[in-house]
Amino acid sequence: MKLIIDGYNKSIHKKDNQIVIHEKDEILDSIKASTVTDITVIGKGYVTFDALNLIAENNIKLIAISPRGQLTYTLESPDWRNVALKKEQYKLSENKLGLRISKELIISKMKNQKATLTTLNKNKQLKRVFNHRSKIDECISQLSELNFKGNNEDIRMRIMGLEGKASNEYWSGVKYFIPCEIGFDSRTKKPTDLMNSMLNYGYAILASEITKSILVNGLDPYCGFLHFDMYGRTSLTFDLIEPFRQQIVDKTVIGLLNKKRITVDDMDRRNNTIKLEARKLIVEKILGKIYSTITYEDEAVSYSDLIQKQSEDLVHVLLKGKKFNGFYLRW
């Protein structure tokens, strides 16, 4: 069971083998700890020491997300296994194989950006959107032909440069499908508008799922290959999240806005955060998408399965020398 605790003045307690959720002095829920796999906390509150011990004893991942949608921290029980795996991961972060994995992840991201624009433009058939999609294709071709000779940092910067170029084309195309009153102009990580705030919030929820898959597979979430210089942040999470942003979060956010399930009235202008009820709806829809079933390579799987498989594939690269293939859908 995945437990989501959202809002303010909430706290997590222990009673026997139960995780007990309080709001001030009122008990909201009581759940057997052995049935919980992870807890995501959104907002402000506290956890008692007894509850932390119960969470650790049951190997439950505790993940905190700020009201602005930033992944604040993750807590897990100490894991001294998989030392050999982590050693290989640290080596990979400094060599060209790590850069090749980065290349595959970003190509997959670009393909999903292209596919998302294709889906959005299916009815309108806007010529300018076709142009943005064609420019993403050019970035895919350039990255596919990237020469790996030379300095690792130069190669990394070329990958990130093409990623940035493709993303600019993608968001320039996406804005034609966002209601005018939303006021979306471009992607920003420090938003004051509704859509960017929703995207940040959705990405944080997705990041918690990616981080969980990394930890379950014995990898170090702080050791990435492309975003390796992000001090104090889960850089591997930021690498592995890239191919999943568009299909899971972007499409969900765009759908909520176009169906007017969330409107500009759901933005709290005092602190530029999304109001509680809208946040709950975003959580519900993003998690619903993550655990929904799709057909991928002729198999019925969930996005959660694919996220888990991506981390497993990385382990196979590190320990068995297998080739890494990124995830993407054609639509």
Protein backbone atom coordinates (compact mmCIF):
# COMPACT_ATOMS: atom_id res chain seq x y z
CA MET A 1 0.00 0.00 0.00
CA LYS A 2 1.20 3.50 -0.89
CA LEU A 3 0.17 6.00 1.79
CA ILE A 4 -0.20 9.72 0.92
CA ILE A 5 -0.44 12.27 3.75
CA ASP A 6 -1.29 15.75 2.47
CA GLY A 7 -2.04 19.05 4.17
CA TYR A 8 -1.01 20.74 7.41
CA ASN A 9 -1.12 19.91 11.14
CA LYS A 10 -0.91 16.19 10.42
CA SER A 11 1.35 13.78 12.29
CA ILE A 12 2.37 10.12 12.16
CA HIS A 13 2.25 8.03 15.34
CA LYS A 14 2.59 4.39 16.37
CA LYS A 15 0.12 2.22 18.26
CA ASP A 16 1.18 -1.42 18.59
CA ASN A 17 1.95 -2.42 14.97
CA GLN A 18 -0.26 0.27 13.50
CA ILE A 19 0.73 3.50 11.75
CA VAL A 20 -1.71 6.10 13.07
CA ILE A 21 -2.39 9.38 11.26
CA HIS A 22 -3.50 12.35 13.38
CA GLU A 23 -4.79 15.78 12.45
CA LYS A 24 -4.26 17.82 15.61
CA ASP A 25 -6.01 15.67 18.26
CA GLU A 26 -8.21 13.70 15.85
CA ILE A 27 -7.28 10.22 14.55
CA LEU A 28 -7.79 10.15 10.78
CA ASP A 29 -6.62 6.63 10.00
CA SER A 30 -4.87 3.58 11.38
CA ILE A 31 -3.05 1.14 9.08
CA LYS A 32 -1.17 -2.07 9.79
CA ALA A 33 2.51 -1.26 9.16
CA SER A 34 3.21 -4.55 7.38
CA THR A 35 0.77 -3.59 4.60
CA VAL A 36 2.50 -0.26 3.81
CA THR A 37 5.33 -0.08 1.24
CA ASP A 38 5.98 3.67 1.26
CA ILE A 39 4.67 6.89 2.75
CA THR A 40 4.68 10.21 0.91
CA VAL A 41 4.25 13.29 3.09
CA ILE A 42 3.16 16.54 1.42
CA GLY A 43 2.94 19.68 3.53
CA LYS A 44 3.97 20.24 7.15
CA GLY A 45 3.69 18.02 10.20
CA TYR A 46 5.82 15.64 12.23
CA VAL A 47 6.65 11.98 12.86
CA THR A 48 7.19 10.54 16.36
CA PHE A 49 10.34 8.55 17.17
CA ASP A 50 8.24 5.44 17.84
CA ALA A 51 6.61 5.79 14.42
CA LEU A 52 10.03 6.21 12.76
CA ASN A 53 11.20 2.98 14.40
CA LEU A 54 8.09 1.15 13.20
CA ILE A 55 8.59 2.52 9.68
CA ALA A 56 12.25 1.38 9.70
CA GLU A 57 11.44 -2.08 11.11
CA ASN A 58 8.99 -2.65 8.25
CA ASN A 59 11.40 -1.28 5.60
CA ILE A 60 8.91 1.44 4.60
CA LYS A 61 10.26 4.27 2.46
CA LEU A 62 9.36 7.72 3.83
CA ILE A 63 9.40 10.48 1.22
CA ALA A 64 8.66 14.17 1.82
CA ILE A 65 7.50 16.65 -0.84
CA SER A 66 7.14 20.39 -0.21
CA PRO A 67 3.87 22.23 -1.04
CA ARG A 68 5.72 23.71 -4.04
CA GLY A 69 6.36 20.21 -5.37
CA GLN A 70 10.05 19.82 -4.48
CA LEU A 71 11.37 16.45 -3.30
CA THR A 72 12.61 17.43 0.19
CA TYR A 73 14.05 14.19 1.56
CA THR A 74 13.79 10.41 1.62
CA LEU A 75 14.35 8.21 4.66
CA GLU A 76 15.16 4.51 4.53
CA SER A 77 16.67 1.80 6.69
CA PRO A 78 20.47 1.38 6.36
CA ASP A 79 21.34 -1.08 3.58
CA TRP A 80 24.86 -2.52 3.67
CA ARG A 81 24.17 -4.95 0.84
CA ASN A 82 25.15 -4.49 -2.80
CA VAL A 83 28.54 -2.91 -2.06
CA ALA A 84 29.94 -4.32 -5.32
CA LEU A 85 27.02 -2.83 -7.24
CA LYS A 86 27.55 0.62 -5.74
CA LYS A 87 31.29 0.47 -6.50
CA GLU A 88 30.49 -0.18 -10.16
CA GLN A 89 27.97 2.65 -10.11
CA TYR A 90 30.57 5.10 -8.77
CA LYS A 91 33.04 4.05 -11.48
CA LEU A 92 30.40 4.50 -14.15
CA SER A 93 29.69 8.07 -13.05
CA GLU A 94 33.21 9.01 -14.16
CA ASN A 95 33.57 7.15 -17.46
CA LYS A 96 32.12 7.14 -20.96
CA LEU A 97 29.74 4.24 -20.34
CA GLY A 98 27.90 6.51 -17.90
CA LEU A 99 27.70 9.14 -20.64
CA ARG A 100 26.37 6.56 -23.11
CA ILE A 101 23.60 5.69 -20.65
CA SER A 102 22.89 9.43 -20.32
CA LYS A 103 22.66 9.67 -24.10
CA GLU A 104 20.11 6.82 -24.24
CA LEU A 105 18.01 8.40 -21.48
CA ILE A 106 17.92 11.78 -23.23
CA ILE A 107 17.15 10.27 -26.64
CA SER A 108 14.23 8.44 -24.98
CA LYS A 109 13.11 11.72 -23.41
CA MET A 110 13.22 13.46 -26.80
CA LYS A 111 11.24 10.64 -28.43
CA ASN A 112 8.58 10.95 -25.72
CA GLN A 113 8.50 14.73 -26.23
CA LYS A 114 7.97 14.18 -29.95
CA ALA A 115 5.28 11.54 -29.26
CA THR A 116 3.46 13.84 -26.83
CA LEU A 117 3.35 16.68 -29.38
CA THR A 118 2.03 14.18 -31.95
CA THR A 119 -0.78 13.14 -29.59
CA LEU A 120 -1.69 16.72 -28.66
CA ASN A 121 -1.70 17.81 -32.31
CA LYS A 122 -3.73 14.84 -33.57
CA ASN A 123 -6.93 16.86 -34.07
CA LYS A 124 -5.67 20.41 -34.62
CA GLN A 125 -2.84 19.49 -37.04
CA LEU A 126 -1.06 22.81 -36.42
CA LYS A 127 1.80 23.39 -38.87
CA ARG A 128 3.91 25.26 -36.30
CA VAL A 129 3.69 22.25 -33.96
CA PHE A 130 4.90 19.99 -36.79
CA ASN A 131 7.86 22.37 -37.11
CA HIS A 132 8.71 22.08 -33.40
CA ARG A 133 8.44 18.30 -33.66
CA SER A 134 10.79 18.27 -36.68
CA LYS A 135 13.37 20.25 -34.72
CA ILE A 136 13.19 17.68 -31.91
CA ASP A 137 13.86 15.05 -34.60
CA GLU A 138 16.98 16.98 -35.58
CA CYS A 139 18.17 16.92 -31.96
CA ILE A 140 17.57 13.16 -31.81
CA SER A 141 19.66 12.67 -34.97
CA GLN A 142 22.49 14.85 -33.67
CA LEU A 143 22.55 13.09 -30.30
CA SER A 144 22.40 9.64 -31.95
CA GLU A 145 25.54 10.51 -33.93
CA LEU A 146 27.40 12.05 -30.98
CA ASN A 147 31.16 11.40 -30.99
CA PHE A 148 32.39 10.13 -27.62
CA LYS A 149 36.03 10.98 -28.23
CA GLY A 150 37.50 13.69 -26.06
CA ASN A 151 36.92 15.17 -22.63
CA ASN A 152 34.03 13.68 -20.61
CA GLU A 153 32.83 17.08 -19.41
CA ASP A 154 32.69 18.40 -22.99
CA ILE A 155 30.63 15.37 -24.03
CA ARG A 156 28.29 15.82 -21.08
CA MET A 157 27.77 19.48 -21.95
CA ARG A 158 26.97 18.57 -25.57
CA ILE A 159 24.34 16.08 -24.37
CA MET A 160 22.81 18.65 -22.04
CA GLY A 161 22.93 21.32 -24.75
CA LEU A 162 20.91 19.15 -27.15
CA GLU A 163 18.55 18.21 -24.32
CA GLY A 164 17.93 21.91 -23.62
CA LYS A 165 17.39 22.68 -27.31
CA ALA A 166 14.85 19.85 -27.71
CA SER A 167 13.04 20.89 -24.51
CA ASN A 168 12.70 24.48 -25.75
CA GLU A 169 11.08 23.17 -28.95
CA TYR A 170 8.83 20.84 -26.95
CA TRP A 171 7.47 23.49 -24.58
CA SER A 172 7.09 25.96 -27.45
CA GLY A 173 4.80 23.37 -29.05
CA VAL A 174 2.96 22.42 -25.85
CA LYS A 175 1.86 25.99 -25.11
CA TYR A 176 -0.55 25.92 -28.10
CA PHE A 177 -2.62 23.32 -26.24
CA ILE A 178 -2.89 25.16 -22.91
CA PRO A 179 -5.94 27.39 -22.21
CA CYS A 180 -4.99 31.07 -22.66
CA GLU A 181 -6.21 32.05 -19.19
CA ILE A 182 -3.57 29.78 -17.60
CA GLY A 183 -0.87 32.17 -18.83
CA PHE A 184 1.71 29.48 -19.64
CA ASP A 185 4.59 30.84 -21.71
CA SER A 186 7.59 28.63 -21.01
CA ARG A 187 8.90 26.03 -18.59
CA THR A 188 10.43 27.32 -15.35
CA LYS A 189 11.51 25.48 -12.19
CA LYS A 190 10.59 28.44 -9.94
CA PRO A 191 7.03 29.07 -11.05
CA THR A 192 4.49 31.75 -10.37
CA ASP A 193 1.93 30.33 -12.85
CA LEU A 194 -0.46 27.42 -12.42
CA MET A 195 0.83 25.04 -15.08
CA ASN A 196 4.48 25.21 -14.03
CA SER A 197 3.42 24.73 -10.40
CA MET A 198 1.38 21.67 -11.38
CA LEU A 199 4.29 20.27 -13.40
CA ASN A 200 6.69 20.71 -10.47
CA TYR A 201 4.22 19.01 -8.16
CA GLY A 202 3.64 16.12 -10.55
CA TYR A 203 7.37 15.64 -11.15
CA ALA A 204 7.98 15.46 -7.40
CA ILE A 205 5.41 12.67 -7.07
CA LEU A 206 7.00 10.85 -10.01
CA ALA A 207 10.48 11.43 -8.51
CA SER A 208 9.40 9.67 -5.32
CA GLU A 209 8.45 6.60 -7.38
CA ILE A 210 11.76 6.71 -9.30
CA THR A 211 13.75 7.08 -6.06
CA LYS A 212 11.92 4.12 -4.54
CA SER A 213 12.83 1.92 -7.54
CA ILE A 214 16.49 3.02 -7.26
CA LEU A 215 16.64 2.13 -3.56
CA VAL A 216 14.82 -1.19 -4.01
CA ASN A 217 17.45 -2.24 -6.57
CA GLY A 218 20.37 -1.38 -4.29
CA LEU A 219 21.58 1.66 -6.25
CA ASP A 220 22.74 4.98 -4.80
CA PRO A 221 20.22 7.71 -5.73
CA TYR A 222 22.85 10.41 -5.13
CA CYS A 223 25.23 9.12 -7.81
CA GLY A 224 24.02 10.02 -11.30
CA PHE A 225 25.68 10.09 -14.70
CA LEU A 226 24.34 13.22 -16.38
CA HIS A 227 23.26 15.27 -13.35
CA PHE A 228 26.19 14.04 -11.25
CA ASP A 229 27.22 17.46 -9.91
CA MET A 230 23.96 18.18 -8.04
CA TYR A 231 25.39 18.34 -4.52
CA GLY A 232 23.03 16.99 -1.86
CA ARG A 233 20.33 15.99 -4.36
CA THR A 234 19.29 12.62 -5.74
CA SER A 235 21.04 13.04 -9.10
CA LEU A 236 20.34 9.48 -10.32
CA THR A 237 16.63 10.17 -9.78
CA PHE A 238 16.96 13.21 -12.07
CA ASP A 239 18.64 11.01 -14.71
CA LEU A 240 16.12 8.17 -14.64
CA ILE A 241 13.03 10.39 -14.44
CA GLU A 242 13.68 12.01 -17.84
CA PRO A 243 11.91 9.49 -20.16
CA PHE A 244 8.81 9.33 -17.92
CA ARG A 245 8.02 13.03 -17.43
CA GLN A 246 6.03 13.48 -20.64
CA GLN A 247 3.86 10.36 -20.65
CA ILE A 248 3.03 10.38 -16.92
CA VAL A 249 3.05 14.00 -15.76
CA ASP A 250 2.84 16.34 -18.76
CA LYS A 251 -0.14 14.60 -20.37
CA THR A 252 -1.94 14.38 -17.01
CA VAL A 253 -1.44 18.08 -16.21
CA ILE A 254 -2.48 19.18 -19.70
CA GLY A 255 -5.60 16.99 -19.46
CA LEU A 256 -6.61 18.43 -16.07
CA LEU A 257 -6.27 21.99 -17.38
CA ASN A 258 -8.14 21.41 -20.63
CA LYS A 259 -10.97 19.60 -18.84
CA LYS A 260 -11.03 22.48 -16.32
CA ARG A 261 -10.67 20.06 -13.41
CA ILE A 262 -8.10 22.57 -12.13
CA THR A 263 -8.35 26.31 -12.91
CA VAL A 264 -6.51 29.54 -12.06
CA ASP A 265 -8.74 29.80 -8.97
CA ASP A 266 -6.85 26.80 -7.55
CA MET A 267 -3.65 28.85 -7.27
CA ASP A 268 -2.93 30.56 -3.94
CA ARG A 269 -1.40 33.88 -5.02
CA ARG A 270 -0.20 34.73 -1.52
CA ASN A 271 2.64 32.21 -1.79
CA ASN A 272 2.31 30.91 -5.39
CA THR A 273 1.33 27.38 -4.34
CA ILE A 274 -1.50 25.13 -5.46
CA LYS A 275 -4.46 24.87 -3.08
CA LEU A 276 -4.95 21.67 -1.10
CA GLU A 277 -7.93 20.19 -2.99
CA ALA A 278 -6.19 20.70 -6.34
CA ARG A 279 -3.02 19.10 -4.96
CA LYS A 280 -5.05 16.08 -3.85
CA LEU A 281 -6.47 15.76 -7.37
CA ILE A 282 -2.99 15.95 -8.91
CA VAL A 283 -1.74 13.23 -6.54
CA GLU A 284 -4.74 11.04 -7.36
CA LYS A 285 -4.33 11.41 -11.13
CA ILE A 286 -0.53 11.03 -11.22
CA LEU A 287 -0.60 7.92 -9.03
CA GLY A 288 -3.51 6.58 -11.07
CA LYS A 289 -1.40 7.01 -14.20
CA ILE A 290 1.68 5.41 -12.63
CA TYR A 291 -0.29 2.29 -11.71
CA SER A 292 -2.45 2.19 -14.84
CA THR A 293 -1.96 -0.60 -17.40
CA ILE A 294 -0.62 0.12 -20.87
CA THR A 295 0.57 -2.04 -23.76
CA TYR A 296 4.33 -1.83 -24.14
CA GLU A 297 6.29 -4.14 -26.45
CA ASP A 298 3.15 -6.29 -26.82
CA GLU A 299 2.79 -6.77 -23.06
CA ALA A 300 0.28 -5.38 -20.56
CA VAL A 301 2.34 -3.52 -17.95
CA SER A 302 2.02 -0.53 -15.64
CA TYR A 303 4.24 2.54 -15.69
CA SER A 304 5.33 1.45 -12.21
CA ASP A 305 6.57 -1.83 -13.73
CA LEU A 306 8.48 0.10 -16.40
CA ILE A 307 10.07 2.40 -13.82
CA GLN A 308 11.15 -0.66 -11.84
CA LYS A 309 12.47 -2.34 -14.99
CA GLN A 310 14.57 0.71 -15.88
CA SER A 311 16.40 0.51 -12.53
CA GLU A 312 16.78 -3.26 -12.94
CA ASP A 313 18.23 -2.71 -16.43
CA LEU A 314 20.78 -0.31 -14.98
CA VAL A 315 21.83 -2.99 -12.47
CA HIS A 316 22.28 -5.44 -15.36
CA VAL A 317 24.48 -2.90 -17.16
CA LEU A 318 26.65 -2.48 -14.07
CA LEU A 319 27.01 -6.15 -13.11
CA LYS A 320 26.56 -8.01 -16.41
CA GLY A 321 27.65 -5.51 -19.05
CA LYS A 322 24.28 -5.51 -20.82
CA LYS A 323 23.17 -2.67 -23.13
CA PHE A 324 20.90 0.00 -21.67
CA ASN A 325 17.73 0.88 -23.58
CA GLY A 326 15.54 3.82 -22.56
CA PHE A 327 11.73 3.81 -22.39
CA TYR A 328 9.54 5.60 -24.91
CA LEU A 329 6.06 5.32 -26.43
CA ARG A 330 5.15 6.21 -30.00
CA TRP A 331 2.06 8.18 -28.92
